[in-house]
N, C-alpha and C. Protein backbone atom coordinates (compact mmCIF):
# COMPACT_ATOMS: atom_id res chain seq x y z
N ALA A 1 -51.57 48.30 -18.48
CA ALA A 1 -51.43 49.81 -18.09
C ALA A 1 -51.10 49.97 -16.72
N PHE A 2 -50.24 50.80 -16.45
CA PHE A 2 -49.98 51.07 -14.93
C PHE A 2 -50.74 52.39 -14.56
N ALA A 3 -51.57 52.41 -13.54
CA ALA A 3 -52.20 53.55 -13.08
C ALA A 3 -52.31 53.89 -11.71
N PHE A 4 -52.28 54.97 -11.20
CA PHE A 4 -52.08 55.19 -9.63
C PHE A 4 -53.32 56.16 -9.31
N GLN A 5 -54.05 56.76 -10.48
CA GLN A 5 -55.17 57.59 -10.32
C GLN A 5 -56.18 57.15 -11.20
N PHE A 6 -57.50 57.32 -11.04
CA PHE A 6 -58.56 56.94 -11.89
C PHE A 6 -58.41 57.66 -13.19
N SER A 7 -57.86 58.92 -13.05
CA SER A 7 -57.71 59.70 -14.36
C SER A 7 -56.57 59.05 -15.41
N GLU A 8 -55.80 58.31 -14.95
CA GLU A 8 -54.79 57.67 -15.58
C GLU A 8 -54.97 56.30 -16.32
N LYS A 9 -56.38 55.76 -15.90
CA LYS A 9 -56.89 54.55 -16.39
C LYS A 9 -57.02 54.40 -17.95
N GLY A 10 -57.79 55.53 -18.42
CA GLY A 10 -58.26 55.63 -19.73
C GLY A 10 -59.23 54.51 -20.15
N PHE A 11 -59.66 54.45 -21.33
CA PHE A 11 -60.88 53.71 -21.70
C PHE A 11 -60.57 53.19 -23.11
N PHE A 12 -61.32 52.13 -23.33
CA PHE A 12 -61.35 51.70 -24.82
C PHE A 12 -61.94 52.56 -25.81
N ASP A 13 -61.53 52.55 -26.87
CA ASP A 13 -61.96 53.46 -28.02
C ASP A 13 -63.30 52.92 -28.53
N ARG A 14 -64.50 53.58 -28.27
CA ARG A 14 -65.77 53.20 -28.66
C ARG A 14 -65.93 52.94 -30.21
N LYS A 15 -64.92 53.44 -31.02
CA LYS A 15 -64.89 52.86 -32.46
C LYS A 15 -64.84 51.51 -32.66
N TYR A 16 -63.92 50.84 -31.75
CA TYR A 16 -63.56 49.49 -31.77
C TYR A 16 -64.55 48.70 -30.72
N TYR A 17 -64.77 49.34 -29.58
CA TYR A 17 -65.73 48.70 -28.64
C TYR A 17 -66.80 49.62 -28.33
N PRO A 18 -67.76 49.43 -29.05
CA PRO A 18 -69.00 50.10 -28.90
C PRO A 18 -69.63 49.89 -27.23
N ASP A 19 -70.60 50.63 -27.01
CA ASP A 19 -71.22 50.46 -25.72
C ASP A 19 -71.99 49.22 -25.61
N TYR A 20 -71.95 48.55 -24.57
CA TYR A 20 -72.50 47.22 -24.37
C TYR A 20 -74.10 47.48 -23.91
N GLU A 21 -74.98 46.93 -24.54
CA GLU A 21 -76.44 46.87 -24.28
C GLU A 21 -76.80 45.83 -23.23
N ILE A 22 -77.18 46.00 -22.01
CA ILE A 22 -77.52 44.71 -21.16
C ILE A 22 -78.92 44.23 -21.60
N PRO A 23 -79.12 43.01 -21.77
CA PRO A 23 -80.34 42.54 -22.09
C PRO A 23 -81.39 42.39 -20.86
N VAL A 24 -82.45 43.01 -20.89
CA VAL A 24 -83.27 42.88 -19.72
C VAL A 24 -84.67 42.22 -20.04
N ILE A 25 -85.33 41.85 -18.99
CA ILE A 25 -86.67 41.36 -19.25
C ILE A 25 -87.61 42.76 -19.15
N GLU A 26 -88.86 42.84 -19.44
CA GLU A 26 -89.71 43.89 -19.45
C GLU A 26 -89.91 44.20 -17.89
N HIS A 27 -89.71 45.39 -17.44
CA HIS A 27 -89.99 45.68 -16.17
C HIS A 27 -90.41 47.13 -16.04
N THR A 28 -90.68 47.67 -14.96
CA THR A 28 -90.94 49.10 -14.50
C THR A 28 -89.76 49.75 -14.09
N PRO A 29 -89.29 50.98 -14.52
CA PRO A 29 -88.16 51.54 -13.81
C PRO A 29 -88.21 51.91 -12.57
N TRP A 30 -87.12 51.72 -11.71
CA TRP A 30 -87.19 51.88 -10.44
C TRP A 30 -86.64 53.10 -9.85
N GLN A 31 -86.99 53.67 -8.63
CA GLN A 31 -86.43 54.97 -8.27
C GLN A 31 -86.41 54.81 -6.69
N ARG A 32 -85.21 54.33 -6.21
CA ARG A 32 -84.84 54.07 -5.01
C ARG A 32 -84.45 55.35 -4.21
N PRO A 33 -85.02 55.71 -3.15
CA PRO A 33 -84.67 56.97 -2.33
C PRO A 33 -83.24 56.94 -2.23
N PRO A 34 -82.47 58.05 -2.10
CA PRO A 34 -80.98 58.21 -1.74
C PRO A 34 -80.82 57.81 -0.22
N ILE A 35 -79.57 57.35 -0.10
CA ILE A 35 -79.22 56.98 1.28
C ILE A 35 -78.51 58.23 1.85
N ARG A 36 -78.98 58.89 2.99
CA ARG A 36 -78.35 59.91 3.37
C ARG A 36 -76.90 59.90 3.74
N VAL A 37 -76.00 60.69 3.34
CA VAL A 37 -74.56 60.69 3.44
C VAL A 37 -74.47 61.54 4.92
N PRO A 38 -73.66 60.73 5.83
CA PRO A 38 -73.34 61.39 7.10
C PRO A 38 -72.62 62.93 6.78
N ASN A 39 -73.04 63.96 7.58
CA ASN A 39 -72.25 65.19 7.42
C ASN A 39 -70.76 65.09 7.47
N ALA A 40 -70.28 64.28 8.49
CA ALA A 40 -68.95 64.13 8.56
C ALA A 40 -68.02 63.81 7.36
N ILE A 41 -68.59 63.03 6.40
CA ILE A 41 -67.97 62.72 5.15
C ILE A 41 -68.54 63.36 3.91
N LEU A 42 -69.53 64.18 4.20
CA LEU A 42 -70.28 64.76 2.96
C LEU A 42 -69.26 65.33 1.88
N GLU A 43 -68.46 66.30 2.37
CA GLU A 43 -67.44 66.70 1.56
C GLU A 43 -66.51 65.90 0.74
N GLU A 44 -66.18 64.81 1.49
CA GLU A 44 -65.26 63.76 0.86
C GLU A 44 -66.02 63.00 -0.19
N VAL A 45 -67.22 62.74 0.15
CA VAL A 45 -68.01 62.17 -0.97
C VAL A 45 -68.30 63.07 -2.07
N LYS A 46 -68.68 64.28 -2.05
CA LYS A 46 -68.75 65.22 -3.02
C LYS A 46 -67.38 65.18 -3.89
N SER A 47 -66.29 65.30 -3.31
CA SER A 47 -64.95 65.34 -3.79
C SER A 47 -64.82 64.04 -4.68
N GLU A 48 -65.15 62.93 -4.13
CA GLU A 48 -65.03 61.52 -4.79
C GLU A 48 -65.81 61.64 -6.00
N ILE A 49 -67.00 61.86 -6.02
CA ILE A 49 -67.97 62.09 -7.16
C ILE A 49 -67.24 62.99 -8.23
N ARG A 50 -66.84 64.23 -7.91
CA ARG A 50 -66.26 65.08 -8.91
C ARG A 50 -64.91 64.50 -9.57
N THR A 51 -64.17 63.75 -8.65
CA THR A 51 -62.86 63.06 -9.17
C THR A 51 -63.52 61.83 -10.19
N GLN A 52 -64.37 61.13 -10.16
CA GLN A 52 -65.12 60.11 -10.75
C GLN A 52 -65.48 60.86 -12.06
N GLU A 53 -66.24 61.88 -12.23
CA GLU A 53 -66.62 62.64 -13.17
C GLU A 53 -65.56 63.30 -13.99
N LEU A 54 -64.58 63.68 -13.40
CA LEU A 54 -63.50 64.18 -14.20
C LEU A 54 -62.57 63.20 -14.99
N ALA A 55 -62.59 61.94 -14.38
CA ALA A 55 -61.88 60.80 -14.76
C ALA A 55 -62.67 60.11 -15.97
N GLY A 56 -64.10 60.49 -16.08
CA GLY A 56 -64.89 59.80 -17.21
C GLY A 56 -65.53 58.66 -16.68
N ARG A 57 -65.56 58.28 -15.40
CA ARG A 57 -66.19 57.05 -14.88
C ARG A 57 -67.70 57.34 -14.57
N PHE A 58 -67.91 58.56 -14.13
CA PHE A 58 -69.27 59.01 -13.84
C PHE A 58 -69.54 60.00 -14.87
N GLU A 59 -70.81 60.18 -15.32
CA GLU A 59 -71.31 61.06 -16.09
C GLU A 59 -72.76 61.49 -15.70
N PRO A 60 -73.16 62.86 -15.84
CA PRO A 60 -74.43 63.36 -15.55
C PRO A 60 -75.62 62.63 -16.52
N THR A 61 -76.50 62.42 -16.04
CA THR A 61 -77.67 61.72 -16.79
C THR A 61 -79.05 62.19 -16.32
N VAL A 62 -80.00 61.95 -17.26
CA VAL A 62 -81.50 62.24 -17.02
C VAL A 62 -82.05 60.81 -17.24
N SER A 63 -82.59 60.02 -16.28
CA SER A 63 -83.08 58.62 -16.43
C SER A 63 -84.31 58.56 -15.64
N SER A 64 -85.00 57.49 -16.05
CA SER A 64 -86.17 57.23 -15.11
C SER A 64 -85.75 56.16 -14.06
N TYR A 65 -84.43 55.80 -14.18
CA TYR A 65 -83.91 54.77 -13.12
C TYR A 65 -83.25 55.55 -12.02
N ARG A 66 -83.19 55.01 -10.69
CA ARG A 66 -82.27 55.60 -9.75
C ARG A 66 -82.06 54.54 -8.77
N SER A 67 -80.72 54.05 -8.57
CA SER A 67 -80.40 53.28 -7.74
C SER A 67 -79.79 53.93 -6.58
N ALA A 68 -79.83 53.12 -5.39
CA ALA A 68 -79.41 53.85 -4.16
C ALA A 68 -77.81 53.74 -4.27
N MET A 69 -77.13 54.75 -3.73
CA MET A 69 -75.69 54.76 -3.56
C MET A 69 -75.48 55.14 -2.01
N PHE A 70 -74.31 54.43 -1.62
CA PHE A 70 -73.67 54.96 -0.37
C PHE A 70 -72.29 54.91 -0.39
N ALA A 71 -71.67 55.43 0.90
CA ALA A 71 -70.16 55.46 0.87
C ALA A 71 -69.70 54.63 2.01
N VAL A 72 -68.65 54.02 1.58
CA VAL A 72 -68.05 53.06 2.75
C VAL A 72 -66.53 53.69 2.97
N ALA A 73 -66.35 53.90 4.21
CA ALA A 73 -65.11 54.66 4.83
C ALA A 73 -63.86 53.47 4.43
N LYS A 74 -62.86 53.81 3.67
CA LYS A 74 -61.70 53.11 3.66
C LYS A 74 -60.55 53.79 4.05
N LYS A 75 -59.26 53.06 4.27
CA LYS A 75 -58.09 53.61 4.65
C LYS A 75 -57.76 54.90 4.09
N LYS A 76 -57.80 55.20 2.69
CA LYS A 76 -57.50 56.20 1.91
C LYS A 76 -58.48 57.26 1.46
N GLY A 77 -59.73 57.10 2.22
CA GLY A 77 -60.92 58.01 1.72
C GLY A 77 -62.15 57.12 1.68
N VAL A 78 -62.96 57.53 0.81
CA VAL A 78 -64.36 56.71 0.75
C VAL A 78 -64.35 55.94 -0.54
N ARG A 79 -65.05 54.95 -0.38
CA ARG A 79 -65.44 54.01 -1.68
C ARG A 79 -66.89 54.13 -1.86
N LEU A 80 -67.24 54.68 -3.16
CA LEU A 80 -68.80 54.84 -3.56
C LEU A 80 -69.32 53.46 -3.99
N VAL A 81 -70.39 53.15 -3.49
CA VAL A 81 -70.95 51.68 -3.66
C VAL A 81 -72.47 52.09 -4.39
N ILE A 82 -72.73 51.45 -5.50
CA ILE A 82 -73.98 51.70 -6.13
C ILE A 82 -74.75 50.31 -6.00
N ASN A 83 -75.95 50.26 -5.30
CA ASN A 83 -76.72 48.97 -5.23
C ASN A 83 -77.37 48.62 -6.50
N LEU A 84 -76.92 47.75 -7.26
CA LEU A 84 -77.57 47.31 -8.48
C LEU A 84 -78.40 46.08 -8.59
N GLU A 85 -78.97 45.86 -7.20
CA GLU A 85 -79.72 44.60 -7.18
C GLU A 85 -81.05 44.48 -8.02
N GLU A 86 -81.56 45.69 -8.20
CA GLU A 86 -82.73 45.60 -9.14
C GLU A 86 -82.14 45.38 -10.57
N LEU A 87 -81.04 46.01 -11.01
CA LEU A 87 -80.69 45.63 -12.45
C LEU A 87 -80.36 44.09 -12.50
N ASN A 88 -79.86 43.56 -11.38
CA ASN A 88 -79.48 42.19 -11.60
C ASN A 88 -80.77 41.37 -11.73
N SER A 89 -81.73 41.82 -10.94
CA SER A 89 -83.17 40.97 -10.97
C SER A 89 -83.79 41.01 -12.34
N VAL A 90 -83.54 42.11 -13.15
CA VAL A 90 -84.23 42.08 -14.31
C VAL A 90 -83.33 41.85 -15.57
N THR A 91 -82.01 41.41 -15.34
CA THR A 91 -81.07 41.25 -16.46
C THR A 91 -81.34 39.60 -16.87
N VAL A 92 -81.18 39.51 -18.27
CA VAL A 92 -81.44 38.23 -18.87
C VAL A 92 -79.98 37.41 -18.53
N GLN A 93 -80.12 36.19 -17.94
CA GLN A 93 -79.05 35.49 -17.48
C GLN A 93 -78.29 34.91 -18.66
N ASP A 94 -76.97 34.99 -18.69
CA ASP A 94 -76.17 34.20 -19.84
C ASP A 94 -76.00 32.93 -19.44
N SER A 95 -76.61 31.96 -20.12
CA SER A 95 -76.44 30.63 -19.81
C SER A 95 -75.42 29.74 -20.44
N SER A 96 -74.53 30.37 -21.28
CA SER A 96 -73.51 29.70 -22.07
C SER A 96 -72.48 29.46 -20.99
N LEU A 97 -71.56 28.26 -21.25
CA LEU A 97 -70.69 27.82 -20.52
C LEU A 97 -69.33 28.10 -20.89
N PRO A 98 -68.35 28.38 -19.87
CA PRO A 98 -67.02 28.84 -20.50
C PRO A 98 -66.37 27.73 -21.06
N PRO A 99 -65.48 28.00 -21.85
CA PRO A 99 -64.81 26.73 -22.55
C PRO A 99 -64.02 25.89 -21.59
N ASN A 100 -63.94 24.59 -22.11
CA ASN A 100 -63.20 23.59 -21.26
C ASN A 100 -61.75 24.00 -21.32
N VAL A 101 -60.98 24.49 -20.42
CA VAL A 101 -59.49 24.49 -20.69
C VAL A 101 -58.74 23.69 -21.26
N ASN A 102 -58.97 22.35 -20.99
CA ASN A 102 -58.19 21.10 -21.62
C ASN A 102 -58.47 21.13 -22.99
N ASP A 103 -59.39 21.64 -23.66
CA ASP A 103 -59.70 21.61 -25.05
C ASP A 103 -58.68 22.59 -25.87
N PHE A 104 -58.01 23.73 -25.11
CA PHE A 104 -57.16 24.47 -25.83
C PHE A 104 -55.74 24.71 -24.93
N ALA A 105 -55.76 24.16 -23.88
CA ALA A 105 -54.29 24.21 -23.24
C ALA A 105 -53.18 23.76 -24.04
N GLU A 106 -53.37 22.79 -24.76
CA GLU A 106 -52.18 22.21 -25.54
C GLU A 106 -51.87 23.03 -26.62
N ASP A 107 -52.53 24.06 -27.01
CA ASP A 107 -52.09 24.98 -28.23
C ASP A 107 -51.07 26.01 -27.38
N PHE A 108 -51.01 26.07 -26.34
CA PHE A 108 -50.20 27.08 -25.53
C PHE A 108 -48.83 26.44 -25.07
N VAL A 109 -48.66 25.41 -25.37
CA VAL A 109 -47.31 24.62 -24.96
C VAL A 109 -46.19 25.36 -25.66
N GLY A 110 -45.13 25.86 -24.93
CA GLY A 110 -44.03 26.37 -25.46
C GLY A 110 -44.02 28.04 -25.65
N TYR A 111 -45.25 28.63 -25.16
CA TYR A 111 -45.28 29.92 -25.52
C TYR A 111 -45.26 30.69 -24.16
N ALA A 112 -44.94 31.89 -23.95
CA ALA A 112 -44.92 32.64 -22.78
C ALA A 112 -46.15 33.03 -22.44
N MET A 113 -46.53 32.93 -21.07
CA MET A 113 -47.93 33.43 -20.80
C MET A 113 -47.70 34.57 -19.57
N TYR A 114 -48.84 35.29 -19.58
CA TYR A 114 -48.85 36.29 -18.52
C TYR A 114 -50.15 36.48 -17.94
N GLY A 115 -50.42 36.97 -16.65
CA GLY A 115 -51.69 37.09 -16.13
C GLY A 115 -52.10 38.50 -16.13
N LEU A 116 -53.32 38.67 -15.82
CA LEU A 116 -53.78 40.27 -15.62
C LEU A 116 -54.72 40.35 -14.36
N PHE A 117 -54.21 41.27 -13.49
CA PHE A 117 -54.89 41.47 -12.29
C PHE A 117 -54.95 43.13 -12.03
N ASP A 118 -56.01 43.37 -11.20
CA ASP A 118 -56.05 44.77 -10.76
C ASP A 118 -55.72 45.08 -9.34
N LEU A 119 -54.65 45.71 -9.31
CA LEU A 119 -54.17 46.06 -7.94
C LEU A 119 -54.48 47.36 -7.55
N PHE A 120 -55.11 48.10 -8.54
CA PHE A 120 -55.41 49.61 -8.34
C PHE A 120 -56.66 49.66 -7.42
N SER A 121 -57.85 49.02 -7.90
CA SER A 121 -59.09 49.27 -7.31
C SER A 121 -59.82 47.99 -6.97
N GLY A 122 -59.16 46.77 -7.08
CA GLY A 122 -59.75 45.40 -6.83
C GLY A 122 -60.88 45.38 -7.78
N PHE A 123 -60.66 45.33 -9.02
CA PHE A 123 -61.68 45.12 -9.94
C PHE A 123 -62.86 46.06 -10.05
N ASP A 124 -62.58 47.37 -9.54
CA ASP A 124 -63.64 48.39 -9.64
C ASP A 124 -64.19 48.76 -11.09
């Protein structure tokens, strides 16, 4: 898909792709204090949050968890960054290995191939 705004990106249908539950070890929910947004970019950050909400990427929540969020100035505005270090520390690590490419590469001989990459947001 080609998109030039977050609102154009779309989502997978939950009927076919249900929400994914991240397996975690037992832990106490964390509540990190918010990182203060400088007044000089406060309106721009609010606007970005609204844009992300309208695009369906952010949604209101009532949760016992709160991770720190901060804004990074970019050429075309601000990028919101959410620090998920605590989530990473309690996530059950997937120890499976990726498939060996040599085991199935021969199956693709003679077929057209294409790659996929994200120029819109750098895999955001």
